[in-house]
Structure formats: C-alpha cells, structure tokens
C-alpha cells in the first residue's frame, strides 16, 4: 500500500504543478478574479494534501499493516478529488452548484488527518 500511495502522491505532484502553472499563465487574464482565487485555493489544497499522502506512504513503510494509515491514504485521495477537483471545475466552468461538493472533500481531509493521528497513536 505504501508504494501505491507514494506513486499516487508523485503523480498528484505532477498534476498540481501543471495545473498550477496553467492557472498562473493561461488563466490569469481569462478568469474573473473570484474564480481565479477559487482556482488558487484548489491548487494550494491539492499541494498540501499530496504532501500528506506522501507522508502516509512513508509511514506505511514503517507500519505496513496499519489500517488507520491505509484508510487515511484513501481519504486523502478522495479529498483531493472532491475538494480540489470540484474547485477546479467550478473555477473553469462557473458552475456554482459544484461548491456543494467541496465540503465533502473537506470532510474527507478531516477524516484523513484523524485517521492518520489514530494510526500513529496505535503504532507508536
């Protein structure tokens, strides 16, 4: 599982850099300032949580059987898709109803951090 999460995190690093560069260069003059700010928030949370996913992968190298850490990794992936993904699409399309999906990603992030804490608590 560690290898899976580390590979997914690395791929998400590639995506976050590419998506961030696209926003900084190609969208800067094409999006309204409020939508550009939403896009920027998506890139920030994408980066923060791909780093968290990397940490989960590294922790799983030490404690490969930790169900809490495994669950944390999947929750971080879900959070990236739901939180950052919905904000990217909202910023690019202007479909405001997508903002209703974003909190689900936030809940996944919160649960992922809690699961990581529980995994560490039980492993250390």
N, C-alpha and C. Protein backbone atom coordinates (compact mmCIF):
# COMPACT_ATOMS: atom_id res chain seq x y z
N UNK A 1 0.82 -1.19 0.00
CA UNK A 1 0.00 0.00 0.00
C UNK A 1 0.87 1.26 0.00
N UNK A 2 2.03 1.20 0.69
CA UNK A 2 2.92 2.35 0.75
C UNK A 2 3.33 2.78 -0.67
N UNK A 3 3.72 1.80 -1.47
CA UNK A 3 4.15 2.10 -2.84
C UNK A 3 3.02 2.75 -3.64
N UNK A 4 1.81 2.25 -3.49
CA UNK A 4 0.65 2.80 -4.20
C UNK A 4 0.44 4.26 -3.84
N UNK A 5 0.45 4.56 -2.53
CA UNK A 5 0.21 5.93 -2.11
C UNK A 5 1.35 6.86 -2.54
N UNK A 6 2.58 6.38 -2.49
CA UNK A 6 3.71 7.22 -2.91
C UNK A 6 3.65 7.51 -4.41
N UNK A 7 3.27 6.53 -5.20
CA UNK A 7 3.14 6.75 -6.65
C UNK A 7 2.00 7.70 -6.95
N UNK A 8 0.86 7.52 -6.28
CA UNK A 8 -0.28 8.42 -6.49
C UNK A 8 0.09 9.84 -6.06
N UNK A 9 0.82 9.97 -4.96
CA UNK A 9 1.25 11.29 -4.49
C UNK A 9 2.19 11.94 -5.51
N UNK A 10 3.12 11.16 -6.05
CA UNK A 10 4.05 11.71 -7.05
C UNK A 10 3.29 12.16 -8.30
N UNK A 11 2.34 11.36 -8.74
CA UNK A 11 1.53 11.75 -9.89
C UNK A 11 0.73 13.00 -9.59
N UNK A 12 0.21 13.11 -8.37
CA UNK A 12 -0.52 14.31 -7.99
C UNK A 12 0.39 15.53 -7.90
N UNK A 13 1.65 15.32 -7.56
CA UNK A 13 2.62 16.42 -7.59
C UNK A 13 2.78 16.94 -9.01
N UNK A 14 2.91 16.03 -9.95
CA UNK A 14 2.99 16.40 -11.37
C UNK A 14 1.75 17.19 -11.78
N UNK A 15 0.57 16.67 -11.41
CA UNK A 15 -0.68 17.33 -11.77
C UNK A 15 -0.79 18.71 -11.14
N UNK A 16 -0.47 18.82 -9.86
CA UNK A 16 -0.61 20.10 -9.17
C UNK A 16 0.31 21.15 -9.77
N UNK A 17 1.53 20.79 -10.12
CA UNK A 17 2.44 21.75 -10.75
C UNK A 17 1.90 22.16 -12.12
N UNK A 18 1.48 21.19 -12.91
CA UNK A 18 0.96 21.51 -14.25
C UNK A 18 -0.31 22.35 -14.18
N UNK A 19 -1.23 21.96 -13.29
CA UNK A 19 -2.49 22.70 -13.15
C UNK A 19 -2.23 24.09 -12.59
N UNK A 20 -1.31 24.19 -11.63
CA UNK A 20 -0.96 25.49 -11.07
C UNK A 20 -0.32 26.41 -12.10
N UNK A 21 0.59 25.86 -12.91
CA UNK A 21 1.23 26.66 -13.96
C UNK A 21 0.21 27.10 -15.01
N UNK A 22 -0.70 26.21 -15.36
CA UNK A 22 -1.75 26.56 -16.30
C UNK A 22 -2.58 27.72 -15.77
N UNK A 23 -2.92 27.66 -14.49
CA UNK A 23 -3.70 28.74 -13.89
C UNK A 23 -2.94 30.05 -13.85
N UNK A 24 -1.66 29.97 -13.51
CA UNK A 24 -0.86 31.18 -13.38
C UNK A 24 -0.59 31.85 -14.72
N UNK A 25 -0.49 31.05 -15.78
CA UNK A 25 -0.13 31.62 -17.08
C UNK A 25 -1.30 31.74 -18.05
N UNK A 26 -2.06 30.70 -18.19
CA UNK A 26 -3.11 30.71 -19.20
C UNK A 26 -4.44 31.28 -18.70
N UNK A 27 -4.69 31.18 -17.41
CA UNK A 27 -5.99 31.61 -16.90
C UNK A 27 -5.98 32.98 -16.24
N UNK A 28 -4.81 33.49 -16.00
CA UNK A 28 -4.68 34.75 -15.25
C UNK A 28 -5.53 35.87 -15.84
N UNK A 29 -5.58 35.96 -17.14
CA UNK A 29 -6.34 37.04 -17.79
C UNK A 29 -7.71 36.57 -18.28
N UNK A 30 -8.00 35.29 -18.15
CA UNK A 30 -9.25 34.76 -18.69
C UNK A 30 -10.32 34.51 -17.64
N UNK A 31 -9.91 34.37 -16.39
CA UNK A 31 -10.89 34.12 -15.33
C UNK A 31 -11.15 35.38 -14.53
N UNK A 32 -12.37 35.52 -14.07
CA UNK A 32 -12.71 36.61 -13.17
C UNK A 32 -11.89 36.44 -11.89
N UNK A 33 -11.55 37.54 -11.22
CA UNK A 33 -10.72 37.44 -10.02
C UNK A 33 -11.26 36.46 -8.96
N UNK A 34 -12.58 36.41 -8.77
CA UNK A 34 -13.13 35.49 -7.76
C UNK A 34 -12.93 34.03 -8.18
N UNK A 35 -13.05 33.74 -9.46
CA UNK A 35 -12.84 32.37 -9.95
C UNK A 35 -11.36 32.01 -9.92
N UNK A 36 -10.49 32.97 -10.19
CA UNK A 36 -9.05 32.73 -10.12
C UNK A 36 -8.64 32.44 -8.67
N UNK A 37 -9.26 33.12 -7.72
CA UNK A 37 -8.98 32.87 -6.31
C UNK A 37 -9.42 31.46 -5.92
N UNK A 38 -10.56 31.02 -6.43
CA UNK A 38 -11.04 29.66 -6.17
C UNK A 38 -10.05 28.65 -6.75
N UNK A 39 -9.59 28.90 -7.96
CA UNK A 39 -8.62 28.02 -8.62
C UNK A 39 -7.34 27.93 -7.78
N UNK A 40 -6.88 29.09 -7.30
CA UNK A 40 -5.67 29.15 -6.47
C UNK A 40 -5.85 28.32 -5.19
N UNK A 41 -7.02 28.43 -4.56
CA UNK A 41 -7.31 27.64 -3.36
C UNK A 41 -7.23 26.15 -3.67
N UNK A 42 -7.77 25.75 -4.81
CA UNK A 42 -7.72 24.34 -5.21
C UNK A 42 -6.28 23.86 -5.34
N UNK A 43 -5.44 24.67 -5.98
CA UNK A 43 -4.04 24.29 -6.16
C UNK A 43 -3.35 24.17 -4.80
N UNK A 44 -3.60 25.12 -3.91
CA UNK A 44 -2.99 25.07 -2.57
C UNK A 44 -3.36 23.80 -1.83
N UNK A 45 -4.65 23.50 -1.75
CA UNK A 45 -5.08 22.31 -1.03
C UNK A 45 -4.63 21.03 -1.72
N UNK A 46 -4.54 21.05 -3.03
CA UNK A 46 -4.02 19.91 -3.78
C UNK A 46 -2.59 19.63 -3.31
N UNK A 47 -1.76 20.69 -3.27
CA UNK A 47 -0.37 20.52 -2.84
C UNK A 47 -0.26 20.06 -1.39
N UNK A 48 -0.97 20.73 -0.49
CA UNK A 48 -0.88 20.36 0.92
C UNK A 48 -1.19 18.87 1.12
N UNK A 49 -2.22 18.42 0.45
CA UNK A 49 -2.68 17.07 0.73
C UNK A 49 -1.96 15.99 -0.08
N UNK A 50 -1.31 16.36 -1.17
CA UNK A 50 -0.44 15.38 -1.81
C UNK A 50 0.78 15.15 -0.93
N UNK A 51 1.21 16.19 -0.21
CA UNK A 51 2.31 16.01 0.74
C UNK A 51 1.87 15.12 1.91
N UNK A 52 0.64 15.32 2.37
CA UNK A 52 0.11 14.47 3.43
C UNK A 52 0.02 13.02 2.96
N UNK A 53 -0.41 12.82 1.73
CA UNK A 53 -0.49 11.47 1.16
C UNK A 53 0.91 10.85 1.08
N UNK A 54 1.90 11.65 0.73
CA UNK A 54 3.28 11.16 0.72
C UNK A 54 3.71 10.73 2.10
N UNK A 55 3.34 11.52 3.11
CA UNK A 55 3.68 11.16 4.48
C UNK A 55 3.02 9.84 4.87
N UNK A 56 1.78 9.65 4.49
CA UNK A 56 1.10 8.38 4.78
C UNK A 56 1.87 7.23 4.14
N UNK A 57 2.28 7.41 2.89
CA UNK A 57 3.06 6.36 2.22
C UNK A 57 4.35 6.04 2.95
N UNK A 58 5.04 7.07 3.41
CA UNK A 58 6.28 6.85 4.15
C UNK A 58 6.02 6.18 5.50
N UNK A 59 4.95 6.59 6.17
CA UNK A 59 4.59 5.95 7.45
C UNK A 59 4.25 4.48 7.25
N UNK A 60 3.61 4.18 6.13
CA UNK A 60 3.25 2.78 5.86
C UNK A 60 4.47 1.92 5.57
N UNK A 61 5.59 2.52 5.19
CA UNK A 61 6.82 1.74 5.06
C UNK A 61 7.25 1.21 6.42
N UNK A 62 6.98 1.99 7.47
CA UNK A 62 7.32 1.59 8.83
C UNK A 62 6.27 0.68 9.45
N UNK A 63 4.99 0.99 9.20
CA UNK A 63 3.88 0.23 9.79
C UNK A 63 2.92 -0.21 8.69
N UNK A 64 3.32 -1.18 7.87
CA UNK A 64 2.52 -1.56 6.70
C UNK A 64 1.15 -2.16 7.00
N UNK A 65 0.94 -2.66 8.20
CA UNK A 65 -0.35 -3.28 8.49
C UNK A 65 -1.34 -2.33 9.16
N UNK A 66 -0.98 -1.07 9.32
CA UNK A 66 -1.86 -0.12 9.99
C UNK A 66 -3.07 0.20 9.11
N UNK A 67 -4.23 -0.27 9.54
CA UNK A 67 -5.48 0.00 8.81
C UNK A 67 -5.83 1.48 8.87
N UNK A 68 -5.52 2.13 9.99
CA UNK A 68 -5.79 3.56 10.10
C UNK A 68 -5.01 4.35 9.06
N UNK A 69 -3.73 4.02 8.90
CA UNK A 69 -2.91 4.73 7.92
C UNK A 69 -3.39 4.43 6.50
N UNK A 70 -3.75 3.20 6.24
CA UNK A 70 -4.27 2.86 4.91
C UNK A 70 -5.55 3.64 4.62
N UNK A 71 -6.44 3.68 5.58
CA UNK A 71 -7.69 4.41 5.42
C UNK A 71 -7.41 5.90 5.22
N UNK A 72 -6.43 6.42 5.96
CA UNK A 72 -6.05 7.82 5.82
C UNK A 72 -5.61 8.13 4.39
N UNK A 73 -4.82 7.26 3.81
CA UNK A 73 -4.36 7.47 2.44
C UNK A 73 -5.51 7.55 1.46
N UNK A 74 -6.46 6.62 1.58
CA UNK A 74 -7.61 6.64 0.66
C UNK A 74 -8.47 7.87 0.88
N UNK A 75 -8.59 8.31 2.13
CA UNK A 75 -9.36 9.53 2.41
C UNK A 75 -8.67 10.76 1.84
N UNK A 76 -7.34 10.82 1.90
CA UNK A 76 -6.63 11.95 1.28
C UNK A 76 -6.86 11.98 -0.23
N UNK A 77 -6.84 10.82 -0.85
CA UNK A 77 -7.10 10.75 -2.30
C UNK A 77 -8.51 11.23 -2.60
N UNK A 78 -9.48 10.75 -1.83
CA UNK A 78 -10.87 11.19 -2.02
C UNK A 78 -11.00 12.68 -1.81
N UNK A 79 -10.33 13.19 -0.78
CA UNK A 79 -10.39 14.63 -0.51
C UNK A 79 -9.82 15.46 -1.63
N UNK A 80 -8.69 15.02 -2.18
CA UNK A 80 -8.10 15.75 -3.31
C UNK A 80 -9.07 15.78 -4.48
N UNK A 81 -9.65 14.63 -4.79
CA UNK A 81 -10.59 14.57 -5.92
C UNK A 81 -11.82 15.44 -5.68
N UNK A 82 -12.41 15.31 -4.49
CA UNK A 82 -13.65 16.03 -4.22
C UNK A 82 -13.42 17.52 -3.95
N UNK A 83 -12.45 17.84 -3.12
CA UNK A 83 -12.23 19.23 -2.75
C UNK A 83 -11.58 20.00 -3.89
N UNK A 84 -10.35 19.63 -4.22
CA UNK A 84 -9.64 20.36 -5.27
C UNK A 84 -10.33 20.17 -6.62
N UNK A 85 -10.76 18.95 -6.91
CA UNK A 85 -11.41 18.68 -8.19
C UNK A 85 -12.65 19.52 -8.41
N UNK A 86 -13.50 19.61 -7.39
CA UNK A 86 -14.72 20.40 -7.55
C UNK A 86 -14.40 21.89 -7.71
N UNK A 87 -13.37 22.36 -7.00
CA UNK A 87 -12.99 23.78 -7.14
C UNK A 87 -12.37 24.08 -8.50
N UNK A 88 -11.57 23.15 -9.02
CA UNK A 88 -11.02 23.34 -10.37
C UNK A 88 -12.15 23.46 -11.39
N UNK A 89 -13.08 22.54 -11.31
CA UNK A 89 -14.19 22.54 -12.28
C UNK A 89 -15.06 23.78 -12.10
N UNK A 90 -15.33 24.15 -10.85
CA UNK A 90 -16.12 25.35 -10.58
C UNK A 90 -15.45 26.58 -11.19
N UNK A 91 -14.14 26.72 -10.96
CA UNK A 91 -13.41 27.89 -11.46
C UNK A 91 -13.41 27.93 -12.99
N UNK A 92 -13.29 26.78 -13.62
CA UNK A 92 -13.20 26.74 -15.08
C UNK A 92 -14.56 26.87 -15.78
N UNK A 93 -15.61 26.42 -15.10
CA UNK A 93 -16.93 26.42 -15.74
C UNK A 93 -17.88 27.48 -15.19
N UNK A 94 -17.61 27.94 -13.96
CA UNK A 94 -18.51 28.88 -13.32
C UNK A 94 -19.76 28.22 -12.75
N UNK A 95 -19.82 26.90 -12.78
CA UNK A 95 -20.98 26.18 -12.24
C UNK A 95 -20.93 26.20 -10.71
N UNK A 96 -21.63 27.14 -10.12
CA UNK A 96 -21.56 27.36 -8.67
C UNK A 96 -22.11 26.20 -7.85
N UNK A 97 -23.00 25.39 -8.42
CA UNK A 97 -23.55 24.27 -7.66
C UNK A 97 -22.46 23.27 -7.28
N UNK A 98 -21.33 23.28 -7.99
CA UNK A 98 -20.24 22.37 -7.64
C UNK A 98 -19.66 22.69 -6.27
N UNK A 99 -19.89 23.91 -5.80
CA UNK A 99 -19.44 24.28 -4.47
C UNK A 99 -20.08 23.43 -3.39
N UNK A 100 -21.20 22.79 -3.69
CA UNK A 100 -21.85 21.91 -2.72
C UNK A 100 -21.07 20.61 -2.52
N UNK A 101 -20.24 20.25 -3.47
CA UNK A 101 -19.44 19.02 -3.37
C UNK A 101 -18.17 19.27 -2.55
N UNK A 102 -17.67 20.48 -2.60
CA UNK A 102 -16.40 20.81 -1.96
C UNK A 102 -16.35 20.44 -0.48
N UNK A 103 -17.40 20.72 0.31
CA UNK A 103 -17.33 20.34 1.73
C UNK A 103 -17.18 18.84 1.97
N UNK A 104 -17.65 18.02 1.05
CA UNK A 104 -17.43 16.57 1.19
C UNK A 104 -15.94 16.25 1.13
N UNK A 105 -15.24 16.95 0.26
CA UNK A 105 -13.79 16.80 0.21
C UNK A 105 -13.13 17.28 1.49
N UNK A 106 -13.65 18.38 2.03
CA UNK A 106 -13.12 18.88 3.30
C UNK A 106 -13.34 17.88 4.42
N UNK A 107 -14.50 17.25 4.45
CA UNK A 107 -14.76 16.21 5.46
C UNK A 107 -13.82 15.03 5.28
N UNK A 108 -13.54 14.67 4.03
CA UNK A 108 -12.59 13.58 3.77
C UNK A 108 -11.20 13.95 4.29
N UNK A 109 -10.80 15.21 4.09
CA UNK A 109 -9.50 15.66 4.61
C UNK A 109 -9.46 15.57 6.14
N UNK A 110 -10.52 16.04 6.79
CA UNK A 110 -10.57 16.00 8.25
C UNK A 110 -10.49 14.55 8.74
N UNK A 111 -11.27 13.67 8.11
CA UNK A 111 -11.25 12.26 8.49
C UNK A 111 -9.88 11.63 8.23
N UNK A 112 -9.23 12.05 7.15
CA UNK A 112 -7.90 11.52 6.82
C UNK A 112 -6.89 11.91 7.88
N UNK A 113 -6.91 13.16 8.30
CA UNK A 113 -5.99 13.61 9.34
C UNK A 113 -6.26 12.88 10.65
N UNK A 114 -7.54 12.70 10.99
CA UNK A 114 -7.90 11.98 12.21
C UNK A 114 -7.43 10.52 12.12
N UNK A 115 -7.64 9.90 10.99
CA UNK A 115 -7.22 8.52 10.80
C UNK A 115 -5.70 8.40 10.89
N UNK A 116 -4.99 9.39 10.35
CA UNK A 116 -3.53 9.38 10.47
C UNK A 116 -3.12 9.47 11.93
N UNK A 117 -3.77 10.37 12.67
CA UNK A 117 -3.46 10.51 14.09
C UNK A 117 -3.72 9.21 14.85
N UNK A 118 -4.83 8.58 14.54
CA UNK A 118 -5.15 7.31 15.20
C UNK A 118 -4.12 6.23 14.82
N UNK A 119 -3.72 6.22 13.57
CA UNK A 119 -2.71 5.25 13.14
C UNK A 119 -1.40 5.46 13.88
N UNK A 120 -1.01 6.71 14.03
CA UNK A 120 0.23 7.00 14.76
C UNK A 120 0.09 6.65 16.24
N UNK A 121 -1.05 6.97 16.81
CA UNK A 121 -1.30 6.67 18.21
C UNK A 121 -1.17 5.16 18.48
N UNK A 122 -1.73 4.37 17.61
CA UNK A 122 -1.70 2.92 17.80
C UNK A 122 -0.37 2.29 17.39
N UNK A 123 0.42 3.01 16.61
CA UNK A 123 1.68 2.44 16.12
C UNK A 123 2.89 2.84 16.94
N UNK A 124 2.82 3.99 17.58
CA UNK A 124 3.99 4.47 18.32
C UNK A 124 4.00 3.96 19.74
